[in-house]
Amino acid sequence: MNKTKNTISPIAEYNRSSKGTRVLSEYQNDLIFEQPRDNLLQQEFVSYEYTPQGVKVTKTVRKYRKNDDYFDTTSVQFIGS
């Protein structure tokens, strides 16, 4: 079996000197969050959705590092029933 890794690359450049700059990308989180900029530590996006199992809370967090990098995490929790 041949496994290939899909890479996602931006389809537009961005200007790091602008405040609140975003990139057009196939990576869904890039449509929500900003790219790294000075003094930006973290951003969060939370959604609430009714499901048969209760209210589904999906939280995505982007934490920025000093080296112009970041990492994203997503957690899902059900509340109520």
Protein backbone atom coordinates (compact mmCIF):
# COMPACT_ATOMS: atom_id res chain seq x y z
CA MET A 1 0.00 0.00 0.00
CA ASN A 2 1.40 3.38 -1.00
CA LYS A 3 0.62 6.17 1.45
CA THR A 4 1.03 9.77 0.40
CA LYS A 5 0.99 12.75 2.71
CA ASN A 6 -1.11 15.69 1.63
CA THR A 7 0.53 19.01 2.25
CA ILE A 8 -1.38 22.24 2.51
CA SER A 9 0.19 25.41 1.28
CA PRO A 10 -1.22 28.93 1.20
CA ILE A 11 -2.42 30.23 -2.13
CA ALA A 12 -1.79 33.86 -1.23
CA GLU A 13 0.97 35.85 0.40
CA TYR A 14 0.40 37.88 3.52
CA ASN A 15 2.03 40.96 4.98
CA ARG A 16 3.33 40.39 8.50
CA SER A 17 3.40 44.13 9.21
CA SER A 18 -0.39 44.40 8.89
CA LYS A 19 -2.50 43.86 11.95
CA GLY A 20 -5.01 41.04 11.64
CA THR A 21 -3.62 39.57 8.42
CA ARG A 22 -5.07 36.31 7.15
CA VAL A 23 -4.10 33.81 4.48
CA LEU A 24 -6.25 32.11 1.87
CA SER A 25 -5.53 28.45 2.39
CA GLU A 26 -7.01 24.98 2.08
CA TYR A 27 -6.34 24.55 5.82
CA GLN A 28 -9.68 25.34 7.49
CA ASN A 29 -8.19 26.92 10.62
CA ASP A 30 -6.39 29.54 8.51
CA LEU A 31 -9.83 30.83 7.52
CA ILE A 32 -10.64 31.46 11.21
CA PHE A 33 -7.37 32.56 12.79
CA GLU A 34 -4.73 35.17 12.07
CA GLN A 35 -1.18 34.44 11.06
CA PRO A 36 1.55 35.10 13.67
CA ARG A 37 2.24 38.73 14.54
CA ASP A 38 4.03 40.56 17.32
CA ASN A 39 2.53 40.16 20.80
CA LEU A 40 -0.23 37.77 19.70
CA LEU A 41 -0.36 34.89 22.19
CA GLN A 42 -3.51 32.88 21.53
CA GLN A 43 -6.88 32.88 19.77
CA GLU A 44 -9.93 30.69 20.41
CA PHE A 45 -13.02 29.74 18.42
CA VAL A 46 -15.92 28.00 20.17
CA SER A 47 -19.10 26.63 18.59
CA TYR A 48 -22.21 25.17 20.26
CA GLU A 49 -24.41 22.71 18.40
CA TYR A 50 -27.57 20.80 19.37
CA THR A 51 -27.25 17.03 18.82
CA PRO A 52 -29.24 13.98 20.01
CA GLN A 53 -26.45 13.37 22.56
CA GLY A 54 -26.79 16.89 24.04
CA VAL A 55 -25.08 20.16 23.25
CA LYS A 56 -21.80 19.62 21.41
CA VAL A 57 -19.13 22.19 22.28
CA THR A 58 -16.22 22.34 19.84
CA LYS A 59 -13.30 24.53 20.86
CA THR A 60 -10.34 25.25 18.57
CA VAL A 61 -7.35 27.10 19.99
CA ARG A 62 -4.36 28.52 18.11
CA LYS A 63 -1.32 29.19 20.32
CA TYR A 64 1.43 31.33 18.85
CA ARG A 65 5.15 30.86 19.48
CA LYS A 66 7.90 33.45 19.43
CA ASN A 67 9.50 31.98 16.30
CA ASP A 68 6.55 32.98 14.05
CA ASP A 69 5.07 29.50 14.38
CA TYR A 70 1.83 28.24 15.92
CA PHE A 71 -0.04 25.07 16.75
CA ASP A 72 -3.77 24.35 16.69
CA THR A 73 -5.75 22.06 18.97
CA THR A 74 -9.41 21.09 18.81
CA SER A 75 -11.47 19.58 21.63
CA VAL A 76 -15.05 18.32 21.58
CA GLN A 77 -17.25 18.04 24.67
CA PHE A 78 -20.92 17.17 25.17
CA ILE A 79 -22.93 18.97 27.84
CA GLY A 80 -26.47 18.16 28.94
CA SER A 81 -28.56 15.34 27.54
